[in-house]
Amino acid sequence: MKTFEEVLTQYEPMISACIRKLHIYKNHELYKQAGNIALWKAWVKFDEDKGEFTPYAYRSMYGAMLDELKKEKHVEDTINPVEDEKLSLLIDHSLVSTFKHEELGLALEKLTWDEQRLLSWLFIEGISLQQAATRAGISQSGIKKRRERLLNKLREILV
């Protein structure tokens, strides 16, 4: 069989085709790298007795890119930057005092001191969940649960 560099040169158009087929419109280099790694793994594992290399390589690259898309989606779902940005604006006390809706100020007053502190850490200071867990002296999953309860409480108060 050829060297991997020759295989990579031959299959680079297939990697680009997978990116187009999956409608990937950002982070092209990340997905191209995932395709390159999948191609290398396929090249190493391939057994000529089991069939042709091209379909095997295609499925490997396509699957690796799908896995990357799933990871990215999971990160977007867990972090939800839009909600974080909204909360940062809502909690900033200089904005709260000038904010036209008094409901927000009242909602923040209904939070406990610990809840206000957690909001401040996560959405104003922007520290990570692990850092917040260390500050609070609890586990990271405990901080996640508190954050979720806090966001639900704010939603209930503001509705």
Protein backbone atom coordinates (compact mmCIF):
# COMPACT_ATOMS: atom_id res chain seq x y z
CA MET A 1 0.00 0.00 0.00
CA LYS A 2 1.03 3.63 -0.46
CA THR A 3 2.52 5.87 2.21
CA PHE A 4 0.07 7.84 4.30
CA GLU A 5 1.16 11.13 2.70
CA GLU A 6 0.12 9.78 -0.70
CA VAL A 7 -3.19 8.52 0.71
CA LEU A 8 -3.83 11.89 2.36
CA THR A 9 -3.16 13.75 -0.89
CA GLN A 10 -5.49 11.39 -2.76
CA TYR A 11 -8.35 11.65 -0.22
CA GLU A 12 -8.22 15.36 0.67
CA PRO A 13 -11.02 16.13 -1.82
CA MET A 14 -13.14 13.50 -0.09
CA ILE A 15 -12.61 15.27 3.25
CA SER A 16 -13.80 18.53 1.69
CA ALA A 17 -16.79 16.71 0.20
CA CYS A 18 -17.75 15.39 3.65
CA ILE A 19 -17.54 18.92 5.07
CA ARG A 20 -19.84 20.21 2.31
CA LYS A 21 -22.26 17.30 2.65
CA LEU A 22 -22.57 17.91 6.40
CA HIS A 23 -23.18 21.65 5.76
CA ILE A 24 -20.32 22.66 8.01
CA TYR A 25 -19.90 26.40 7.69
CA LYS A 26 -17.49 27.24 10.51
CA ASN A 27 -14.40 25.71 12.09
CA HIS A 28 -13.37 24.10 8.79
CA GLU A 29 -9.87 23.40 10.08
CA LEU A 30 -11.22 21.48 13.08
CA TYR A 31 -13.32 19.22 10.86
CA LYS A 32 -10.57 18.86 8.28
CA GLN A 33 -8.24 17.72 11.06
CA ALA A 34 -10.88 15.27 12.33
CA GLY A 35 -11.12 13.90 8.79
CA ASN A 36 -7.33 13.60 8.53
CA ILE A 37 -7.13 11.71 11.81
CA ALA A 38 -10.00 9.41 10.80
CA LEU A 39 -8.30 8.76 7.45
CA TRP A 40 -5.07 7.87 9.22
CA LYS A 41 -6.89 5.51 11.61
CA ALA A 42 -8.69 3.91 8.67
CA TRP A 43 -5.38 3.54 6.80
CA VAL A 44 -3.76 1.86 9.81
CA LYS A 45 -6.69 -0.50 10.54
CA PHE A 46 -7.64 -1.36 6.96
CA ASP A 47 -7.68 -5.03 6.00
CA GLU A 48 -7.54 -5.60 2.23
CA ASP A 49 -9.29 -8.95 2.61
CA LYS A 50 -12.47 -7.26 3.84
CA GLY A 51 -13.12 -4.96 0.88
CA GLU A 52 -12.04 -1.74 -0.75
CA PHE A 53 -10.38 1.11 1.10
CA THR A 54 -12.31 4.05 -0.39
CA PRO A 55 -15.77 3.29 1.13
CA TYR A 56 -14.15 2.40 4.44
CA ALA A 57 -12.19 5.65 4.48
CA TYR A 58 -15.27 7.68 3.55
CA ARG A 59 -17.39 6.18 6.34
CA SER A 60 -14.58 6.72 8.83
CA MET A 61 -14.09 10.38 7.92
CA TYR A 62 -17.81 11.11 7.73
CA GLY A 63 -18.38 9.46 11.12
CA ALA A 64 -15.53 11.37 12.74
CA MET A 65 -16.93 14.67 11.50
CA LEU A 66 -20.40 13.73 12.77
CA ASP A 67 -18.86 13.00 16.17
CA GLU A 68 -17.22 16.44 16.19
CA LEU A 69 -20.56 18.05 15.28
CA LYS A 70 -22.22 16.22 18.18
CA LYS A 71 -19.51 17.39 20.59
CA GLU A 72 -19.90 20.98 19.42
CA LYS A 73 -23.68 20.79 19.76
CA HIS A 74 -23.33 19.39 23.28
CA VAL A 75 -21.04 22.26 24.26
CA GLU A 76 -23.44 24.82 22.81
CA ASP A 77 -26.36 23.23 24.65
CA THR A 78 -24.55 23.15 27.98
CA ILE A 79 -23.07 26.61 27.93
CA ASN A 80 -25.80 28.57 26.10
CA PRO A 81 -23.87 31.84 25.72
CA VAL A 82 -26.97 33.90 24.90
CA GLU A 83 -28.55 33.11 28.25
CA ASP A 84 -25.25 33.80 30.01
CA GLU A 85 -25.02 37.19 28.30
CA LYS A 86 -28.58 38.10 29.26
CA LEU A 87 -27.95 37.20 32.89
CA SER A 88 -24.73 39.19 32.93
CA LEU A 89 -26.67 42.24 31.84
CA LEU A 90 -29.50 41.58 34.28
CA ILE A 91 -27.26 41.14 37.29
CA ASP A 92 -25.00 44.13 36.72
CA HIS A 93 -26.25 46.38 39.54
CA SER A 94 -25.60 49.62 37.63
CA LEU A 95 -27.95 48.38 34.91
CA VAL A 96 -30.49 47.04 37.41
CA SER A 97 -30.85 50.43 39.03
CA THR A 98 -31.54 52.12 35.70
CA PHE A 99 -33.49 49.25 34.21
CA LYS A 100 -37.09 50.22 33.42
CA HIS A 101 -38.58 46.94 34.59
CA GLU A 102 -38.71 46.92 38.36
CA GLU A 103 -39.55 43.20 38.20
CA LEU A 104 -35.93 42.40 37.63
CA GLY A 105 -34.73 44.23 40.70
CA LEU A 106 -37.43 42.56 42.75
CA ALA A 107 -36.49 39.16 41.32
CA LEU A 108 -32.84 39.65 42.28
CA GLU A 109 -33.89 40.71 45.80
CA LYS A 110 -35.80 37.42 46.17
CA LEU A 111 -32.59 35.44 45.66
CA THR A 112 -30.62 34.25 48.67
CA TRP A 113 -27.15 35.59 49.30
CA ASP A 114 -25.63 32.31 48.06
CA GLU A 115 -27.69 32.48 44.86
CA GLN A 116 -26.64 36.07 44.22
CA ARG A 117 -23.02 35.13 44.86
CA LEU A 118 -23.25 32.21 42.40
CA LEU A 119 -24.82 34.47 39.75
CA SER A 120 -22.05 36.97 40.24
CA TRP A 121 -19.33 34.33 39.92
CA LEU A 122 -20.71 32.62 36.85
CA PHE A 123 -22.18 35.49 34.86
CA ILE A 124 -20.33 38.64 35.89
CA GLU A 125 -16.87 37.35 36.73
CA GLY A 126 -17.25 34.58 34.16
CA ILE A 127 -15.39 31.94 36.15
CA SER A 128 -15.66 28.27 35.22
CA LEU A 129 -17.92 25.80 36.98
CA GLN A 130 -14.85 24.11 38.46
CA GLN A 131 -13.59 27.40 39.91
CA ALA A 132 -17.03 28.15 41.36
CA ALA A 133 -17.13 24.67 42.89
CA THR A 134 -13.75 25.26 44.50
CA ARG A 135 -14.86 28.63 45.91
CA ALA A 136 -18.10 27.17 47.26
CA GLY A 137 -16.38 24.06 48.60
CA ILE A 138 -18.65 21.63 46.74
CA SER A 139 -18.41 19.42 43.66
CA GLN A 140 -18.73 20.66 40.10
CA SER A 141 -21.94 18.68 39.65
CA GLY A 142 -23.29 20.42 42.77
CA ILE A 143 -22.59 23.80 41.19
CA LYS A 144 -24.32 22.68 37.97
CA LYS A 145 -27.40 21.66 39.96
CA ARG A 146 -27.42 24.96 41.86
CA ARG A 147 -27.04 26.92 38.63
CA GLU A 148 -29.96 25.05 37.05
CA ARG A 149 -32.19 25.57 40.11
CA LEU A 150 -31.20 29.24 40.19
CA LEU A 151 -32.04 29.78 36.51
CA ASN A 152 -35.36 27.98 36.95
CA LYS A 153 -36.14 30.15 39.98
CA LEU A 154 -35.41 33.33 38.02
CA ARG A 155 -37.59 32.13 35.14
CA GLU A 156 -40.48 31.43 37.52
CA ILE A 157 -40.15 34.81 39.22
CA LEU A 158 -39.93 36.74 35.94
CA VAL A 159 -42.85 34.99 34.19
